[in-house]
C-alpha atoms as a PDB file:
ATOM      1  CA  MET A   1       0.000   0.000   0.000  1.00  0.00           C
ATOM      2  CA  LYS A   2       0.978   3.639  -0.330  1.00  0.00           C
ATOM      3  CA  THR A   3       2.467   4.987   2.894  1.00  0.00           C
ATOM      4  CA  VAL A   4      -0.091   6.849   4.991  1.00  0.00           C
ATOM      5  CA  THR A   5       0.423   9.635   7.484  1.00  0.00           C
ATOM      6  CA  GLU A   6      -1.776  11.918   9.540  1.00  0.00           C
ATOM      7  CA  GLU A   7      -2.697  14.155   6.588  1.00  0.00           C
ATOM      8  CA  PRO A   8      -3.077  13.312   2.866  1.00  0.00           C
ATOM      9  CA  THR A   9      -0.422  14.513   0.419  1.00  0.00           C
ATOM     10  CA  VAL A  10      -0.824  16.781  -2.605  1.00  0.00           C
ATOM     11  CA  ASP A  11       1.841  15.969  -5.211  1.00  0.00           C
ATOM     12  CA  PRO A  12       3.307  18.064  -8.043  1.00  0.00           C
ATOM     13  CA  ARG A  13       2.592  17.238 -11.684  1.00  0.00           C
ATOM     14  CA  THR A  14       4.403  15.830 -13.528  1.00  0.00           C
ATOM     15  CA  ARG A  15       6.199  13.744 -10.933  1.00  0.00           C
ATOM     16  CA  LEU A  16       7.772  10.806 -12.775  1.00  0.00           C
ATOM     17  CA  GLY A  17      10.952  10.835 -14.859  1.00  0.00           C
ATOM     18  CA  VAL A  18      12.669   8.003 -16.715  1.00  0.00           C
ATOM     19  CA  LEU A  19      16.245   6.963 -17.467  1.00  0.00           C
ATOM     20  CA  ARG A  20      16.664   5.082 -20.741  1.00  0.00           C
ATOM     21  CA  LYS A  21      19.491   3.101 -22.302  1.00  0.00           C
ATOM     22  CA  ASN A  22      19.176   2.406 -26.028  1.00  0.00           C
ATOM     23  CA  GLY A  23      15.504   3.289 -25.802  1.00  0.00           C
ATOM     24  CA  LYS A  24      14.770   0.918 -22.913  1.00  0.00           C
ATOM     25  CA  ALA A  25      13.718   2.210 -19.505  1.00  0.00           C
ATOM     26  CA  ILE A  26      16.266   1.131 -16.894  1.00  0.00           C
ATOM     27  CA  GLY A  27      15.246   3.431 -14.065  1.00  0.00           C
ATOM     28  CA  MET A  28      12.571   5.817 -12.891  1.00  0.00           C
ATOM     29  CA  ASN A  29      12.601   8.862 -10.659  1.00  0.00           C
ATOM     30  CA  ASN A  30       9.604  10.072  -8.676  1.00  0.00           C
ATOM     31  CA  ILE A  31       8.963  13.249  -6.725  1.00  0.00           C
ATOM     32  CA  GLU A  32       5.694  12.126  -5.172  1.00  0.00           C
ATOM     33  CA  LEU A  33       5.321  11.486  -1.483  1.00  0.00           C
ATOM     34  CA  LEU A  34       2.680   9.664   0.515  1.00  0.00           C
ATOM     35  CA  SER A  35      -0.937   8.623   0.082  1.00  0.00           C
ATOM     36  CA  ARG A  36      -3.184  11.266  -1.426  1.00  0.00           C
ATOM     37  CA  LYS A  37      -6.160   9.709   0.342  1.00  0.00           C
ATOM     38  CA  PRO A  38      -7.207  10.567   3.913  1.00  0.00           C
ATOM     39  CA  LEU A  39      -6.229   8.096   6.602  1.00  0.00           C
ATOM     40  CA  THR A  40      -9.891   7.211   7.153  1.00  0.00           C
ATOM     41  CA  THR A  41     -10.241   6.073   3.531  1.00  0.00           C
ATOM     42  CA  TRP A  42      -7.685   3.378   4.278  1.00  0.00           C
ATOM     43  CA  THR A  43      -8.829   2.476   7.775  1.00  0.00           C
ATOM     44  CA  ASP A  44     -12.601   2.524   7.247  1.00  0.00           C
ATOM     45  CA  ASP A  45     -12.913   1.447   3.626  1.00  0.00           C
ATOM     46  CA  TRP A  46      -9.987   0.136   1.623  1.00  0.00           C
ATOM     47  CA  ILE A  47      -8.133  -2.106   4.064  1.00  0.00           C
ATOM     48  CA  PRO A  48     -11.253  -3.870   5.424  1.00  0.00           C
ATOM     49  CA  LYS A  49     -12.529  -4.331   1.861  1.00  0.00           C
ATOM     50  CA  ILE A  50      -9.187  -5.692   0.639  1.00  0.00           C
ATOM     51  CA  LYS A  51      -9.004  -8.126   3.541  1.00  0.00           C
ATOM     52  CA  GLN A  52     -12.572  -9.253   2.937  1.00  0.00           C
ATOM     53  CA  GLU A  53     -12.098  -9.916  -0.775  1.00  0.00           C
ATOM     54  CA  ALA A  54      -8.514 -11.208  -0.751  1.00  0.00           C
ATOM     55  CA  PRO A  55      -7.579 -14.916  -0.531  1.00  0.00           C
ATOM     56  CA  GLU A  56      -7.452 -16.383   2.957  1.00  0.00           C
ATOM     57  CA  ASP A  57      -3.654 -16.566   2.995  1.00  0.00           C
ATOM     58  CA  PHE A  58      -3.240 -12.957   1.795  1.00  0.00           C
ATOM     59  CA  ILE A  59      -0.978 -10.820   3.997  1.00  0.00           C
ATOM     60  CA  PHE A  60      -1.641  -7.077   4.170  1.00  0.00           C
ATOM     61  CA  ILE A  61       1.213  -4.886   5.410  1.00  0.00           C
ATOM     62  CA  ALA A  62       0.219  -1.343   6.370  1.00  0.00           C
ATOM     63  CA  SER A  63       2.851   1.339   5.710  1.00  0.00           C
ATOM     64  CA  ILE A  64       2.960   4.373   7.996  1.00  0.00           C
ATOM     65  CA  MET A  65       5.051   7.528   8.410  1.00  0.00           C
ATOM     66  CA  SER A  66       5.187  10.223  11.050  1.00  0.00           C
ATOM     67  CA  GLY A  67       7.705  12.797  12.280  1.00  0.00           C
ATOM     68  CA  ILE A  68      10.298  12.873  15.025  1.00  0.00           C
ATOM     69  CA  GLU A  69       7.714  12.967  17.822  1.00  0.00           C
ATOM     70  CA  PRO A  70       7.221   9.405  19.138  1.00  0.00           C
ATOM     71  CA  GLU A  71       3.535   9.935  19.874  1.00  0.00           C
ATOM     72  CA  GLY A  72       2.691  10.201  16.183  1.00  0.00           C
ATOM     73  CA  TRP A  73       4.173   6.781  15.449  1.00  0.00           C
ATOM     74  CA  THR A  74       2.414   5.164  18.392  1.00  0.00           C
ATOM     75  CA  ALA A  75      -0.946   6.617  17.388  1.00  0.00           C
ATOM     76  CA  LEU A  76      -0.619   5.579  13.732  1.00  0.00           C
ATOM     77  CA  ALA A  77       0.445   2.064  14.703  1.00  0.00           C
ATOM     78  CA  GLU A  78      -2.548   1.767  17.026  1.00  0.00           C
ATOM     79  CA  THR A  79      -4.902   3.022  14.321  1.00  0.00           C
ATOM     80  CA  MET A  80      -3.620   0.675  11.623  1.00  0.00           C
ATOM     81  CA  SER A  81      -3.669  -2.289  14.009  1.00  0.00           C
ATOM     82  CA  ARG A  82      -7.436  -1.966  14.262  1.00  0.00           C
ATOM     83  CA  THR A  83      -8.000  -2.187  10.492  1.00  0.00           C
ATOM     84  CA  GLY A  84      -7.312  -5.884  10.029  1.00  0.00           C
ATOM     85  CA  ALA A  85      -3.768  -5.369   8.748  1.00  0.00           C
ATOM     86  CA  ASP A  86      -1.462  -8.329   9.337  1.00  0.00           C
ATOM     87  CA  ALA A  87       1.746  -6.347   9.874  1.00  0.00           C
ATOM     88  CA  ILE A  88       2.978  -2.761   9.944  1.00  0.00           C
ATOM     89  CA  GLU A  89       5.928  -1.277   8.081  1.00  0.00           C
ATOM     90  CA  ILE A  90       7.286   2.065   9.264  1.00  0.00           C
ATOM     91  CA  ASN A  91       8.727   4.258   6.517  1.00  0.00           C
ATOM     92  CA  VAL A  92      11.828   6.104   7.742  1.00  0.00           C
ATOM     93  CA  SER A  93      13.394   6.245   4.324  1.00  0.00           C
ATOM     94  CA  CYS A  94      11.620   8.463   1.763  1.00  0.00           C
ATOM     95  CA  PRO A  95      14.516  10.551   0.341  1.00  0.00           C
ATOM     96  CA  HIS A  96      12.658  13.598  -0.983  1.00  0.00           C
ATOM     97  CA  GLY A  97      10.118  16.032   0.384  1.00  0.00           C
ATOM     98  CA  SER A  98       9.654  14.190   3.653  1.00  0.00           C
ATOM     99  CA  PRO A  99      13.124  15.076   5.037  1.00  0.00           C
ATOM    100  CA  GLU A 100      12.205  18.747   4.613  1.00  0.00           C
ATOM    101  CA  LYS A 101       9.504  18.057   7.215  1.00  0.00           C
ATOM    102  CA  HIS A 102      11.857  16.079   9.497  1.00  0.00           C
ATOM    103  CA  MET A 103      10.310  12.831   8.285  1.00  0.00           C
ATOM    104  CA  GLY A 104      11.397   9.943   6.053  1.00  0.00           C
ATOM    105  CA  ALA A 105      15.141   9.734   5.434  1.00  0.00           C
ATOM    106  CA  PHE A 106      15.748  12.572   7.899  1.00  0.00           C
ATOM    107  CA  ILE A 107      14.933   9.972  10.535  1.00  0.00           C
ATOM    108  CA  GLY A 108      16.351   7.003   8.632  1.00  0.00           C
ATOM    109  CA  GLN A 109      19.847   8.497   8.447  1.00  0.00           C
ATOM    110  CA  ASP A 110      20.083   8.871  12.231  1.00  0.00           C
ATOM    111  CA  PRO A 111      20.403   5.660  14.292  1.00  0.00           C
ATOM    112  CA  THR A 112      19.170   7.372  17.448  1.00  0.00           C
ATOM    113  CA  LEU A 113      15.975   8.577  15.784  1.00  0.00           C
ATOM    114  CA  VAL A 114      15.426   5.204  14.096  1.00  0.00           C
ATOM    115  CA  GLU A 115      15.596   3.423  17.432  1.00  0.00           C
ATOM    116  CA  GLN A 116      13.241   5.949  19.041  1.00  0.00           C
ATOM    117  CA  VAL A 117      10.512   5.848  16.404  1.00  0.00           C
ATOM    118  CA  THR A 118      10.754   2.063  16.062  1.00  0.00           C
ATOM    119  CA  ARG A 119      10.210   1.689  19.783  1.00  0.00           C
ATOM    120  CA  ALA A 120       7.334   4.179  19.632  1.00  0.00           C
ATOM    121  CA  ALA A 121       5.599   2.317  16.806  1.00  0.00           C
ATOM    122  CA  LYS A 122       6.144  -1.005  18.561  1.00  0.00           C
ATOM    123  CA  LYS A 123       4.420   0.459  21.604  1.00  0.00           C
ATOM    124  CA  GLY A 124       1.279   0.964  19.533  1.00  0.00           C
ATOM    125  CA  THR A 125       0.905  -2.523  18.071  1.00  0.00           C
ATOM    126  CA  ASP A 126       1.198  -6.226  18.745  1.00  0.00           C
ATOM    127  CA  LEU A 127       1.516  -6.911  15.015  1.00  0.00           C
ATOM    128  CA  PRO A 128       4.866  -7.769  13.404  1.00  0.00           C
ATOM    129  CA  LEU A 129       6.764  -4.521  12.785  1.00  0.00           C
ATOM    130  CA  LEU A 130       9.004  -3.938   9.765  1.00  0.00           C
ATOM    131  CA  VAL A 131      11.323  -0.933   9.412  1.00  0.00           C
ATOM    132  CA  LYS A 132      11.977   0.264   5.850  1.00  0.00           C
ATOM    133  CA  LEU A 133      15.535   1.587   5.564  1.00  0.00           C
ATOM    134  CA  THR A 134      17.067   4.192   3.279  1.00  0.00           C
ATOM    135  CA  PRO A 135      20.013   3.516   0.936  1.00  0.00           C
ATOM    136  CA  ASN A 136      21.063   7.155   1.260  1.00  0.00           C
ATOM    137  CA  VAL A 137      23.658   6.379   3.926  1.00  0.00           C
ATOM    138  CA  THR A 138      27.321   5.404   3.940  1.00  0.00           C
ATOM    139  CA  ASP A 139      26.832   2.373   6.186  1.00  0.00           C
ATOM    140  CA  ILE A 140      23.402   0.795   6.619  1.00  0.00           C
ATOM    141  CA  VAL A 141      24.385  -1.644   9.373  1.00  0.00           C
ATOM    142  CA  PRO A 142      24.269   0.894  12.254  1.00  0.00           C
ATOM    143  CA  ILE A 143      20.802   1.913  11.050  1.00  0.00           C
ATOM    144  CA  ALA A 144      19.669  -1.722  10.994  1.00  0.00           C
ATOM    145  CA  ASN A 145      21.190  -2.209  14.444  1.00  0.00           C
ATOM    146  CA  ALA A 146      19.119   0.700  15.739  1.00  0.00           C
ATOM    147  CA  ALA A 147      15.915  -0.677  14.241  1.00  0.00           C
ATOM    148  CA  VAL A 148      16.513  -4.073  15.827  1.00  0.00           C
ATOM    149  CA  LYS A 149      17.368  -2.462  19.164  1.00  0.00           C
ATOM    150  CA  GLY A 150      14.121  -0.503  18.960  1.00  0.00           C
ATOM    151  CA  GLY A 151      12.120  -3.704  18.579  1.00  0.00           C
ATOM    152  CA  ALA A 152      11.843  -4.292  14.829  1.00  0.00           C
ATOM    153  CA  ASP A 153      10.665  -7.780  13.934  1.00  0.00           C
ATOM    154  CA  ALA A 154      11.954  -7.448  10.360  1.00  0.00           C
ATOM    155  CA  ILE A 155      13.799  -5.075   8.027  1.00  0.00           C
ATOM    156  CA  SER A 156      12.731  -3.840   4.582  1.00  0.00           C
ATOM    157  CA  ALA A 157      15.525  -2.656   2.294  1.00  0.00           C
ATOM    158  CA  ILE A 158      15.756  -0.526   0.305  1.00  0.00           C
ATOM    159  CA  ASN A 159      13.705   2.581  -0.401  1.00  0.00           C
ATOM    160  CA  THR A 160      14.535   4.750  -3.409  1.00  0.00           C
ATOM    161  CA  VAL A 161      17.899   6.415  -4.047  1.00  0.00           C
ATOM    162  CA  GLU A 162      17.979  10.216  -3.943  1.00  0.00           C
ATOM    163  CA  SER A 163      18.695  11.453  -7.445  1.00  0.00           C
ATOM    164  CA  LEU A 164      18.273  13.987 -10.217  1.00  0.00           C
ATOM    165  CA  ILE A 165      17.023  11.997 -13.209  1.00  0.00           C
ATOM    166  CA  GLY A 166      18.204  14.382 -15.911  1.00  0.00           C
ATOM    167  CA  ILE A 167      18.133  17.803 -17.550  1.00  0.00           C
ATOM    168  CA  ASP A 168      16.138  18.982 -20.565  1.00  0.00           C
ATOM    169  CA  ILE A 169      19.116  20.592 -22.282  1.00  0.00           C
ATOM    170  CA  GLU A 170      16.920  22.555 -24.704  1.00  0.00           C
ATOM    171  CA  THR A 171      15.379  24.542 -21.846  1.00  0.00           C
ATOM    172  CA  ALA A 172      17.980  23.945 -19.086  1.00  0.00           C
ATOM    173  CA  THR A 173      15.198  22.514 -16.937  1.00  0.00           C
ATOM    174  CA  PRO A 174      15.646  19.593 -14.517  1.00  0.00           C
ATOM    175  CA  LEU A 175      13.408  16.565 -14.958  1.00  0.00           C
ATOM    176  CA  PRO A 176      10.677  15.635 -14.298  1.00  0.00           C
ATOM    177  CA  ILE A 177       9.294  19.062 -15.156  1.00  0.00           C
ATOM    178  CA  ALA A 178       6.938  20.508 -12.553  1.00  0.00           C
ATOM    179  CA  TYR A 179       6.195  24.096 -11.580  1.00  0.00           C
ATOM    180  CA  GLY A 180       7.203  26.464  -8.802  1.00  0.00           C
ATOM    181  CA  MET A 181       4.764  27.830  -6.261  1.00  0.00           C
ATOM    182  CA  ASP A 182       3.687  30.657  -8.591  1.00  0.00           C
ATOM    183  CA  ASP A 183       2.612  28.104 -11.245  1.00  0.00           C
ATOM    184  CA  THR A 184       4.497  29.934 -13.991  1.00  0.00           C
ATOM    185  CA  GLU A 185       8.130  28.806 -13.909  1.00  0.00           C
ATOM    186  CA  GLN A 186       9.112  25.243 -14.796  1.00  0.00           C
ATOM    187  CA  MET A 187      11.158  23.674 -12.006  1.00  0.00           C
ATOM    188  CA  SER A 188      11.876  20.323 -10.366  1.00  0.00           C
ATOM    189  CA  THR A 189      13.594  18.791  -7.350  1.00  0.00           C
ATOM    190  CA  TYR A 190      15.602  15.773  -6.272  1.00  0.00           C
ATOM    191  CA  GLY A 191      13.569  12.576  -6.248  1.00  0.00           C
ATOM    192  CA  GLY A 192      13.686   8.876  -5.508  1.00  0.00           C
ATOM    193  CA  PHE A 193      15.364   6.647  -8.129  1.00  0.00           C
ATOM    194  CA  CYS A 194      14.039   3.110  -8.599  1.00  0.00           C
ATOM    195  CA  GLY A 195      13.865   0.352 -11.188  1.00  0.00           C
ATOM    196  CA  PRO A 196      16.372  -2.165 -12.589  1.00  0.00           C
ATOM    197  CA  ALA A 197      19.341   0.205 -12.300  1.00  0.00           C
ATOM    198  CA  VAL A 198      19.165   0.262  -8.486  1.00  0.00           C
ATOM    199  CA  LYS A 199      19.405  -3.516  -8.077  1.00  0.00           C
ATOM    200  CA  PRO A 200      23.174  -3.493  -7.353  1.00  0.00           C
ATOM    201  CA  ILE A 201      22.588  -0.994  -4.549  1.00  0.00           C
ATOM    202  CA  GLY A 202      19.737  -3.027  -3.094  1.00  0.00           C
ATOM    203  CA  LEU A 203      21.736  -6.258  -3.236  1.00  0.00           C
ATOM    204  CA  ARG A 204      24.618  -4.596  -1.425  1.00  0.00           C
ATOM    205  CA  PHE A 205      22.512  -3.324   1.453  1.00  0.00           C
ATOM    206  CA  VAL A 206      20.413  -6.472   1.855  1.00  0.00           C
ATOM    207  CA  SER A 207      23.549  -8.615   1.975  1.00  0.00           C
ATOM    208  CA  GLN A 208      25.179  -6.337   4.550  1.00  0.00           C
ATOM    209  CA  ILE A 209      22.111  -6.411   6.781  1.00  0.00           C
ATOM    210  CA  ALA A 210      21.807 -10.187   6.412  1.00  0.00           C
ATOM    211  CA  LYS A 211      25.429 -10.671   7.440  1.00  0.00           C
ATOM    212  CA  ALA A 212      24.985  -8.446  10.486  1.00  0.00           C
ATOM    213  CA  HIS A 213      21.581  -9.859  11.502  1.00  0.00           C
ATOM    214  CA  PRO A 214      21.219 -13.435  10.229  1.00  0.00           C
ATOM    215  CA  ASN A 215      18.159 -14.076  12.410  1.00  0.00           C
ATOM    216  CA  ILE A 216      16.166 -10.985  11.404  1.00  0.00           C
ATOM    217  CA  PRO A 217      13.859 -11.482   8.382  1.00  0.00           C
ATOM    218  CA  ILE A 218      14.628  -9.102   5.513  1.00  0.00           C
ATOM    219  CA  SER A 219      12.218  -7.991   2.805  1.00  0.00           C
ATOM    220  CA  GLY A 220      14.281  -7.260  -0.305  1.00  0.00           C
ATOM    221  CA  ILE A 221      13.418  -4.275  -2.495  1.00  0.00           C
ATOM    222  CA  GLY A 222      15.033  -2.554  -5.447  1.00  0.00           C
ATOM    223  CA  GLY A 223      15.096  -3.338  -9.159  1.00  0.00           C
ATOM    224  CA  ILE A 224      13.351  -6.710  -9.009  1.00  0.00           C
ATOM    225  CA  GLU A 225      11.902  -7.176 -12.497  1.00  0.00           C
ATOM    226  CA  ASN A 226      11.878 -10.931 -13.171  1.00  0.00           C
ATOM    227  CA  TRP A 227      12.395 -14.318 -11.548  1.00  0.00           C
ATOM    228  CA  SER A 228      16.188 -14.197 -11.805  1.00  0.00           C
ATOM    229  CA  SER A 229      16.513 -10.831 -10.068  1.00  0.00           C
ATOM    230  CA  ALA A 230      14.134 -12.121  -7.394  1.00  0.00           C
ATOM    231  CA  ILE A 231      16.421 -15.105  -6.838  1.00  0.00           C
ATOM    232  CA  GLU A 232      19.420 -12.800  -6.514  1.00  0.00           C
ATOM    233  CA  TYR A 233      17.770 -11.086  -3.560  1.00  0.00           C
ATOM    234  CA  LEU A 234      16.898 -14.417  -1.962  1.00  0.00           C
ATOM    235  CA  MET A 235      20.481 -15.572  -2.338  1.00  0.00           C
ATOM    236  CA  VAL A 236      21.818 -12.535  -0.461  1.00  0.00           C
ATOM    237  CA  GLY A 237      19.489 -13.120   2.468  1.00  0.00           C
ATOM    238  CA  ALA A 238      16.035 -11.700   1.726  1.00  0.00           C
ATOM    239  CA  ARG A 239      13.167 -13.876   2.941  1.00  0.00           C
ATOM    240  CA  THR A 240      10.401 -11.901   1.233  1.00  0.00           C
ATOM    241  CA  LEU A 241      10.411  -9.558  -1.761  1.00  0.00           C
ATOM    242  CA  GLN A 242       8.630  -6.347  -2.687  1.00  0.00           C
ATOM    243  CA  VAL A 243       8.044  -5.274  -6.292  1.00  0.00           C
ATOM    244  CA  CYS A 244       6.731  -1.872  -7.344  1.00  0.00           C
ATOM    245  CA  THR A 245       8.352  -0.326 -10.450  1.00  0.00           C
ATOM    246  CA  ALA A 246       8.126  -3.494 -12.541  1.00  0.00           C
ATOM    247  CA  VAL A 247       4.418  -3.780 -11.733  1.00  0.00           C
ATOM    248  CA  MET A 248       3.893  -0.114 -12.604  1.00  0.00           C
ATOM    249  CA  TRP A 249       5.567  -0.692 -15.973  1.00  0.00           C
ATOM    250  CA  HIS A 250       4.243  -4.145 -16.878  1.00  0.00           C
ATOM    251  CA  GLY A 251       1.252  -4.914 -14.655  1.00  0.00           C
ATOM    252  CA  PHE A 252       0.584  -7.511 -11.957  1.00  0.00           C
ATOM    253  CA  SER A 253       0.783 -10.350 -14.483  1.00  0.00           C
ATOM    254  CA  ILE A 254       4.579 -10.349 -14.114  1.00  0.00           C
ATOM    255  CA  ILE A 255       4.197 -11.860 -10.633  1.00  0.00           C
ATOM    256  CA  LYS A 256       2.942 -15.107 -12.163  1.00  0.00           C
ATOM    257  CA  ASP A 257       5.942 -15.117 -14.496  1.00  0.00           C
ATOM    258  CA  MET A 258       8.215 -14.636 -11.493  1.00  0.00           C
ATOM    259  CA  THR A 259       6.717 -17.482  -9.484  1.00  0.00           C
ATOM    260  CA  ASN A 260       6.757 -19.812 -12.489  1.00  0.00           C
ATOM    261  CA  GLY A 261      10.379 -18.954 -13.229  1.00  0.00           C
ATOM    262  CA  LEU A 262      11.338 -19.423  -9.598  1.00  0.00           C
ATOM    263  CA  THR A 263       9.671 -22.836  -9.470  1.00  0.00           C
ATOM    264  CA  GLU A 264      11.360 -23.989 -12.675  1.00  0.00           C
ATOM    265  CA  PHE A 265      14.747 -22.772 -11.443  1.00  0.00           C
ATOM    266  CA  MET A 266      14.393 -24.586  -8.126  1.00  0.00           C
ATOM    267  CA  GLU A 267      13.458 -27.815  -9.897  1.00  0.00           C
ATOM    268  CA  ARG A 268      16.360 -27.492 -12.332  1.00  0.00           C
ATOM    269  CA  LYS A 269      18.910 -26.770  -9.603  1.00  0.00           C
ATOM    270  CA  GLY A 270      17.521 -29.222  -7.052  1.00  0.00           C
ATOM    271  CA  TYR A 271      16.459 -26.713  -4.407  1.00  0.00           C
ATOM    272  CA  GLU A 272      13.795 -28.373  -2.271  1.00  0.00           C
ATOM    273  CA  SER A 273      12.743 -25.219  -0.423  1.00  0.00           C
ATOM    274  CA  LEU A 274      13.262 -21.476  -0.380  1.00  0.00           C
ATOM    275  CA  ASP A 275      15.168 -21.867   2.879  1.00  0.00           C
ATOM    276  CA  SER A 276      17.819 -23.882   1.065  1.00  0.00           C
ATOM    277  CA  MET A 277      18.317 -20.959  -1.332  1.00  0.00           C
ATOM    278  CA  ILE A 278      18.052 -17.979   1.030  1.00  0.00           C
ATOM    279  CA  GLY A 279      21.486 -16.590   1.867  1.00  0.00           C
ATOM    280  CA  LYS A 280      23.232 -19.060  -0.439  1.00  0.00           C
ATOM    281  CA  ALA A 281      25.568 -16.390  -1.843  1.00  0.00           C
ATOM    282  CA  LEU A 282      26.439 -14.708   1.462  1.00  0.00           C
ATOM    283  CA  PRO A 283      29.473 -16.879   2.346  1.00  0.00           C
ATOM    284  CA  LYS A 284      31.000 -15.912  -1.002  1.00  0.00           C
ATOM    285  CA  ILE A 285      30.809 -12.165  -0.310  1.00  0.00           C
ATOM    286  CA  THR A 286      34.054 -11.114   1.347  1.00  0.00           C
ATOM    287  CA  SER A 287      36.325  -8.094   1.718  1.00  0.00           C
ATOM    288  CA  TRP A 288      38.506  -6.783  -1.087  1.00  0.00           C
ATOM    289  CA  THR A 289      41.580  -7.630   0.972  1.00  0.00           C
ATOM    290  CA  ALA A 290      40.516 -11.272   1.199  1.00  0.00           C
ATOM    291  CA  LEU A 291      40.387 -11.702  -2.588  1.00  0.00           C
ATOM    292  CA  THR A 292      43.397 -13.406  -4.149  1.00  0.00           C
ATOM    293  CA  LYS A 293      45.199 -11.470  -6.861  1.00  0.00           C
ATOM    294  CA  LEU A 294      46.623 -14.613  -8.475  1.00  0.00           C
ATOM    295  CA  PRO A 295      46.705 -16.688 -10.618  1.00  0.00           C
ATOM    296  CA  PRO A 296      46.528 -14.380 -13.644  1.00  0.00           C
ATOM    297  CA  VAL A 297      43.535 -14.656 -15.973  1.00  0.00           C
ATOM    298  CA  VAL A 298      43.489 -13.657 -19.629  1.00  0.00           C
ATOM    299  CA  ALA A 299      40.656 -13.101 -22.074  1.00  0.00           C
ATOM    300  CA  ARG A 300      39.848 -15.723 -24.684  1.00  0.00           C
ATOM    301  CA  ILE A 301      37.996 -14.889 -27.890  1.00  0.00           C
ATOM    302  CA  ILE A 302      36.049 -17.581 -29.727  1.00  0.00           C
ATOM    303  CA  ALA A 303      37.029 -16.800 -33.303  1.00  0.00           C
ATOM    304  CA  GLU A 304      33.952 -18.292 -34.959  1.00  0.00           C
ATOM    305  CA  LYS A 305      31.694 -16.061 -32.851  1.00  0.00           C
ATOM    306  CA  CYS A 306      33.689 -12.868 -33.418  1.00  0.00           C
ATOM    307  CA  THR A 307      31.856 -10.446 -35.740  1.00  0.00           C
ATOM    308  CA  GLY A 308      34.799  -8.114 -36.202  1.00  0.00           C
ATOM    309  CA  CYS A 309      32.941  -5.167 -34.666  1.00  0.00           C
ATOM    310  CA  LYS A 310      36.161  -3.921 -32.985  1.00  0.00           C
ATOM    311  CA  GLU A 311      34.340  -2.800 -29.828  1.00  0.00           C
ATOM    312  CA  CYS A 312      36.603  -4.882 -27.596  1.00  0.00           C
ATOM    313  CA  VAL A 313      39.678  -3.588 -29.464  1.00  0.00           C
ATOM    314  CA  ILE A 314      38.680   0.031 -28.857  1.00  0.00           C
ATOM    315  CA  ALA A 315      37.753  -0.573 -25.220  1.00  0.00           C
ATOM    316  CA  CYS A 316      41.003  -2.368 -24.468  1.00  0.00           C
ATOM    317  CA  ALA A 317      43.078   0.277 -26.246  1.00  0.00           C
ATOM    318  CA  ASP A 318      41.460   3.263 -24.562  1.00  0.00           C
ATOM    319  CA  GLY A 319      40.379   1.805 -21.216  1.00  0.00           C
ATOM    320  CA  GLY A 320      42.469  -1.322 -20.738  1.00  0.00           C
ATOM    321  CA  PHE A 321      45.919  -2.659 -21.594  1.00  0.00           C
ATOM    322  CA  VAL A 322      46.108  -2.457 -25.426  1.00  0.00           C
ATOM    323  CA  ALA A 323      46.004  -6.249 -25.452  1.00  0.00           C
ATOM    324  CA  ILE A 324      43.577  -6.871 -28.340  1.00  0.00           C
ATOM    325  CA  GLN A 325      44.292  -6.336 -32.026  1.00  0.00           C
ATOM    326  CA  MET A 326      42.540  -7.256 -35.253  1.00  0.00           C
ATOM    327  CA  SER A 327      43.957 -10.061 -37.398  1.00  0.00           C
ATOM    328  CA  ASN A 328      42.189 -11.299 -40.529  1.00  0.00           C
ATOM    329  CA  LYS A 329      39.054  -9.367 -39.459  1.00  0.00           C
ATOM    330  CA  LYS A 330      38.985 -11.146 -36.089  1.00  0.00           C
ATOM    331  CA  ALA A 331      39.914  -9.868 -32.629  1.00  0.00           C
ATOM    332  CA  VAL A 332      42.997 -11.552 -31.164  1.00  0.00           C
ATOM    333  CA  VAL A 333      44.256 -11.308 -27.558  1.00  0.00           C
ATOM    334  CA  ASN A 334      47.924 -10.759 -26.733  1.00  0.00           C
ATOM    335  CA  ASN A 335      48.260 -12.910 -23.611  1.00  0.00           C
ATOM    336  CA  ASP A 336      51.449 -11.124 -22.539  1.00  0.00           C
ATOM    337  CA  LYS A 337      49.608  -7.804 -22.337  1.00  0.00           C
ATOM    338  CA  CYS A 338      46.175  -8.929 -21.115  1.00  0.00           C
ATOM    339  CA  ASP A 339      45.608  -8.239 -17.420  1.00  0.00           C
ATOM    340  CA  GLY A 340      42.281 -10.081 -17.143  1.00  0.00           C
ATOM    341  CA  CYS A 341      40.271  -6.996 -16.159  1.00  0.00           C
ATOM    342  CA  GLY A 342      37.119  -8.154 -18.005  1.00  0.00           C
ATOM    343  CA  LEU A 343      36.381  -4.892 -19.846  1.00  0.00           C
ATOM    344  CA  CYS A 344      36.279  -6.609 -23.237  1.00  0.00           C
ATOM    345  CA  ALA A 345      33.589  -9.021 -22.072  1.00  0.00           C
ATOM    346  CA  ILE A 346      31.443  -6.118 -20.868  1.00  0.00           C
ATOM    347  CA  VAL A 347      31.368  -4.196 -24.140  1.00  0.00           C
END
């Protein structure tokens, strides 16, 4: 559900921007905030109706946000607990707009505040309590520590990444284009970046939290768009997953594709349960210092598959070790010069 707070939000228009690579959307930026509907619409109408019409095993997690005063969190948690929700997630991680009001990531970047508001929300409910963390920090582990100390039953990671999606160079206007308070001048602001491009950031933070708190359930978020990206999050320690951008772009039907792909993968690889897959990659994530620098590795080009495009030659010459040359319209590696950096395989 959309995060609710004491008062409904009025958002600017437009409020969504896109980042494309070769015409394909790889990320999205939003400058919208919380639910535009009054709290009572959720508590008196939508949540009870959803719970009534949903399958029996359906889990509804209510998302709430308040400010730095503990009483607001306690009151919201109490209110949402009476709606039939199955769990509550506290949002201390929205990177734009909310911090200007001492909410969202303003709280989520401060371990002391995170512990305080987590404890306050926990005071208002007996339901399982999740804390949604922000990626806009240098080290997420102290923030997770604070949430756990405050009584969190689980961690959600991550929220969106603070960003500026782009500039309309024809008008020198930041994107997405909205308007200032006088409704005449085109303007914009920093927003939350999401979509496939943030997956590496999400995987990093989920894995770090999982290593620090192996017994705390983690809900993985960030760039999940298909069954394989879902599995990546499971393998770094997430026990549940949340998908938003991919559903916004492609519809809820992708969830069936994800579950089918996950089932087929588990059968092919011999995984008998999700538990046998969760955290599977964590032991292989180590420090840079612990990585061996030997033995040397060199690139190998399969001549019959080489198209002679010269992209690897150019990349190696200008960004690598000048180890690839053309011979008879095929790329050839000089093993004495190749350092095994992997740039040629990327391009």
